[in-house]
Each structure stands twice: as structure tokens, then as C-alpha cells.
Amino acid sequence: MRYEIGMSGTGGQGTILLGTILAESLSNKEGIFVAQTQAYDPAMRGSKAESFLVISDEEIDWHGPFRLDILLALSQNAYEHNIKRLKPEGILILDPQFVGKAAWDKVLSIPFTQKARSKFNDERTVNMICAGVLIELCSYLSVEAVKSSISSNFKGKVLETNLAAFQEGIEVGRQNMKEGFATIESSEEMQI
């Protein structure tokens, strides 16, 4: 079994930290191997930032992504650059504020940035909301392990805020899974 998650956006959205936290949460799971890769344009807020996880029950011979099971796209460029990597049956998760054109069979369109602003008054919580949503989609991730990883990366009030954002993401993920996936057949349908 090989399961791949791609998380891509722009600098400042926290996709690199998101990948690190999820990889840490899987690192002690019995019988599971995990590899994380990162790509970003250095020292430029707003430039490309992406993280990829490979999860396997066997040693991982290639740490980079082949075919993603889940693609989290937090920018139009992230979508356009990575959609070709998504398996035909894969899940596309996007933030409609930043991804205006998309086409795919299994889509969750979640206004992550809007939720981060309205609920926490802090866009830096987008990544933890995303982590909560991913918990609902990837059975290899566990709530307790991700909480532990979040707790090892933050302290004090920032920790409280990020744990609350993670919990919000879990609730958003559950609600979206109840509603089911959307299908976007034409990239023109998502014009914002």
C-alpha cells in the first residue's frame, strides 16, 4: 500500500508546517513508514510552498509523490501545477477564495481562509483547519497523534489557538463528508 497526500499553496499559508506536523504524527505508528518532501521558493511570502507525504506499509524506496490520493490546493497555481499528479479517483480539496478555476470528479470546496479569519481572526490557522479536514479523509492519521504533534510545535496561547483550529477543521471535515463530494465538470464553473 502506498498513500500520497499533496499540500500546496503559497508561502505564509503553512503548508510546509502542515506536512511536518502530519509526518511527525505518523512517525511512531506501528507498521507504517512515512516520508515528507518540501518544495518552496525561499524568503518570499506569497511564492510557491508545498509539502508531500508518502505513507506506506513497506519501506519507501522513492520519497517523492507518484500519484496523489489527496491534493490540498490553496492557490490557483498549486492546483494547476499538481492536478496532473492526482489519481483519477483522488480527492481534490480547495479553497475557493484562491482557486477560481478547477475541474475534478471528487471535490471538497472549503473556504479555509475565510474560516480562519472569521473564527480565529488569524489566517495562520488555515493549516491547522486543513489538518482537521485531512483527518476525516485519511484513515492513517489519528486525532490524538496529530494533537500531540501540534503540541510539540506550539506553546501557550498559540498552541490553544492551533488546537482549536484543528478541532474546527475536524468539524468542517465531518460536515463536508456528510454533504458529499461535488463534481466540477468544467473549469469555467468555478469562476469567482
Protein backbone atom coordinates (compact mmCIF):
# COMPACT_ATOMS: atom_id res chain seq x y z
CA MET A 1 0.00 0.00 0.00
CA ARG A 2 1.24 3.49 -0.87
CA TYR A 3 -0.87 6.52 0.01
CA GLU A 4 0.11 10.06 -1.00
CA ILE A 5 -1.07 13.47 0.13
CA GLY A 6 -0.06 16.72 -1.57
CA MET A 7 -0.48 20.04 0.25
CA SER A 8 0.29 23.05 -1.88
CA GLY A 9 -0.23 26.77 -1.70
CA THR A 10 1.81 29.89 -1.24
CA GLY A 11 4.36 30.97 1.35
CA GLY A 12 2.67 32.07 4.56
CA GLN A 13 -0.23 29.56 4.34
CA GLY A 14 1.61 26.99 6.43
CA THR A 15 1.67 24.05 4.01
CA ILE A 16 5.26 23.14 4.94
CA LEU A 17 4.45 23.10 8.67
CA LEU A 18 1.25 21.17 7.94
CA GLY A 19 3.25 18.45 6.20
CA THR A 20 5.78 18.35 9.03
CA ILE A 21 3.08 18.00 11.70
CA LEU A 22 1.30 15.23 9.80
CA ALA A 23 4.58 13.39 9.15
CA GLU A 24 5.52 13.65 12.84
CA SER A 25 2.11 12.30 13.82
CA LEU A 26 2.70 9.20 11.69
CA SER A 27 6.35 8.62 12.62
CA ASN A 28 5.64 6.38 15.61
CA LYS A 29 2.73 4.46 14.12
CA GLU A 30 3.41 0.72 14.17
CA GLY A 31 3.91 -0.83 10.74
CA ILE A 32 3.78 2.49 8.89
CA PHE A 33 6.58 4.23 7.03
CA VAL A 34 6.30 7.91 6.15
CA ALA A 35 8.34 10.27 4.03
CA GLN A 36 7.83 14.01 3.69
CA THR A 37 9.23 16.24 0.97
CA GLN A 38 9.03 20.00 0.67
CA ALA A 39 9.45 22.49 -2.11
CA TYR A 40 9.34 26.26 -1.71
CA ASP A 41 10.75 29.46 -3.07
CA PRO A 42 12.97 30.76 -0.25
CA ALA A 43 12.31 34.00 1.58
CA MET A 44 9.25 35.01 -0.40
CA ARG A 45 5.87 35.22 1.27
CA GLY A 46 3.27 34.51 -1.39
CA SER A 47 5.52 32.30 -3.54
CA LYS A 48 5.17 28.53 -4.05
CA ALA A 49 5.18 26.33 -0.93
CA GLU A 50 4.28 22.66 -1.00
CA SER A 51 4.68 19.54 1.07
CA PHE A 52 4.11 15.92 0.08
CA LEU A 53 3.55 12.90 2.33
CA VAL A 54 4.09 9.33 1.27
CA ILE A 55 2.60 6.77 3.67
CA SER A 56 3.31 3.08 3.19
CA ASP A 57 3.24 -0.27 4.97
CA GLU A 58 6.60 -1.07 3.31
CA GLU A 59 9.88 0.78 3.28
CA ILE A 60 9.61 3.74 0.94
CA ASP A 61 12.03 3.46 -1.97
CA TRP A 62 11.12 6.83 -3.51
CA HIS A 63 10.15 9.65 -1.16
CA GLY A 64 8.55 11.88 -3.79
CA PRO A 65 4.97 11.67 -5.00
CA PHE A 66 3.96 9.47 -7.93
CA ARG A 67 0.15 9.70 -7.87
CA LEU A 68 -1.61 11.65 -5.14
CA ASP A 69 -4.63 10.23 -3.33
CA ILE A 70 -5.44 13.68 -1.92
CA LEU A 71 -4.48 17.10 -3.24
CA LEU A 72 -5.00 20.12 -1.00
CA ALA A 73 -4.73 23.18 -3.27
CA LEU A 74 -4.69 26.56 -1.54
CA SER A 75 -3.88 28.61 -4.65
CA GLN A 76 -4.68 28.55 -8.35
CA ASN A 77 -1.03 27.89 -9.16
CA ALA A 78 -0.96 24.98 -6.67
CA TYR A 79 -3.98 23.45 -8.38
CA GLU A 80 -2.61 23.91 -11.91
CA HIS A 81 0.85 22.62 -11.01
CA ASN A 82 -0.32 19.50 -9.13
CA ILE A 83 -3.65 18.37 -10.58
CA LYS A 84 -1.86 16.11 -13.06
CA ARG A 85 -0.39 14.21 -10.09
CA LEU A 86 -3.82 13.39 -8.61
CA LYS A 87 -5.10 9.87 -9.23
CA PRO A 88 -8.32 9.75 -11.30
CA GLU A 89 -10.21 8.58 -8.19
CA GLY A 90 -8.32 11.02 -5.94
CA ILE A 91 -9.83 13.78 -3.82
CA LEU A 92 -9.28 17.46 -4.57
CA ILE A 93 -9.66 19.86 -1.64
CA LEU A 94 -9.52 23.55 -2.47
CA ASP A 95 -10.07 26.98 -1.02
CA PRO A 96 -12.45 28.75 -3.42
CA GLN A 97 -11.09 32.16 -2.40
CA PHE A 98 -7.79 31.32 -4.12
CA VAL A 99 -8.69 28.58 -6.60
CA GLY A 100 -11.09 30.16 -9.06
CA LYS A 101 -10.94 27.60 -11.85
CA ALA A 102 -10.91 23.84 -11.32
CA ALA A 103 -12.40 20.66 -12.74
CA TRP A 104 -12.47 17.28 -10.97
CA ASP A 105 -14.83 14.44 -10.02
CA LYS A 106 -14.36 14.40 -6.22
CA VAL A 107 -14.06 17.93 -4.84
CA LEU A 108 -14.36 19.47 -1.40
CA SER A 109 -14.51 23.25 -1.72
CA ILE A 110 -13.85 24.67 1.74
CA PRO A 111 -13.29 28.37 2.49
CA PHE A 112 -10.31 27.74 4.79
CA THR A 113 -9.03 31.31 4.78
CA GLN A 114 -12.47 32.78 5.43
CA LYS A 115 -12.97 30.37 8.35
CA ALA A 116 -9.54 31.21 9.78
CA ARG A 117 -10.33 34.94 9.63
CA SER A 118 -13.87 34.74 10.98
CA LYS A 119 -13.33 32.15 13.69
CA PHE A 120 -9.77 32.92 14.86
CA ASN A 121 -9.00 36.33 13.37
CA ASP A 122 -5.76 34.77 12.15
CA GLU A 123 -5.02 33.43 8.66
CA ARG A 124 -2.08 31.50 10.09
CA THR A 125 -4.57 28.91 11.40
CA VAL A 126 -5.50 27.80 7.86
CA ASN A 127 -3.04 24.91 8.02
CA MET A 128 -4.48 23.52 11.27
CA ILE A 129 -8.02 23.74 9.88
CA CYS A 130 -6.70 21.80 6.88
CA ALA A 131 -5.16 19.20 9.21
CA GLY A 132 -8.56 18.62 10.80
CA VAL A 133 -10.21 18.15 7.42
CA LEU A 134 -7.49 15.71 6.34
CA ILE A 135 -8.15 13.60 9.48
CA GLU A 136 -11.63 12.91 8.10
CA LEU A 137 -10.26 11.79 4.74
CA CYS A 138 -7.14 9.79 5.59
CA SER A 139 -7.58 6.80 7.89
CA TYR A 140 -3.83 6.65 8.60
CA LEU A 141 -4.00 9.91 10.53
CA SER A 142 -5.27 9.91 14.11
CA VAL A 143 -6.66 12.82 16.09
CA GLU A 144 -4.53 12.12 19.18
CA ALA A 145 -1.27 11.73 17.23
CA VAL A 146 -1.86 14.97 15.30
CA LYS A 147 -2.76 16.81 18.53
CA SER A 148 0.47 15.56 20.07
CA SER A 149 2.45 16.77 17.06
CA ILE A 150 0.74 20.17 17.18
CA SER A 151 1.56 20.37 20.90
CA SER A 152 5.23 19.72 20.22
CA ASN A 153 5.36 22.57 17.68
CA PHE A 154 3.50 25.31 19.57
CA LYS A 155 3.28 26.63 23.12
CA GLY A 156 0.97 28.80 25.21
CA LYS A 157 -1.82 30.82 23.59
CA VAL A 158 -0.60 29.92 20.09
CA LEU A 159 -0.96 26.23 20.97
CA GLU A 160 -4.51 26.79 22.25
CA THR A 161 -5.46 28.63 19.06
CA ASN A 162 -3.95 25.98 16.81
CA LEU A 163 -5.64 23.12 18.68
CA ALA A 164 -8.95 24.99 18.40
CA ALA A 165 -8.36 25.48 14.66
CA PHE A 166 -7.56 21.76 14.31
CA GLN A 167 -10.83 20.90 16.09
CA GLU A 168 -12.70 23.32 13.82
CA GLY A 169 -11.17 21.52 10.83
CA ILE A 170 -12.37 18.15 12.13
CA GLU A 171 -15.91 19.52 12.41
CA VAL A 172 -15.72 21.12 8.96
CA GLY A 173 -14.40 17.86 7.52
CA ARG A 174 -17.21 15.83 9.11
CA GLN A 175 -19.84 18.24 7.82
CA ASN A 176 -18.38 18.20 4.30
CA MET A 177 -18.21 14.41 4.29
CA LYS A 178 -21.91 14.25 5.25
CA GLU A 179 -22.73 16.53 2.35
CA GLY A 180 -20.53 14.50 0.00
CA PHE A 181 -18.17 15.43 -2.79
CA ALA A 182 -19.01 17.89 -5.51
CA THR A 183 -18.16 17.28 -9.14
CA ILE A 184 -16.86 20.21 -11.14
CA GLU A 185 -17.00 19.24 -14.79
CA SER A 186 -15.78 22.47 -16.33
CA SER A 187 -13.16 24.84 -15.02
CA GLU A 188 -15.49 27.66 -16.05
CA GLU A 189 -18.00 26.64 -13.34
CA MET A 190 -15.70 27.83 -10.56
CA GLN A 191 -15.10 31.30 -11.91
CA ILE A 192 -15.07 33.69 -8.96
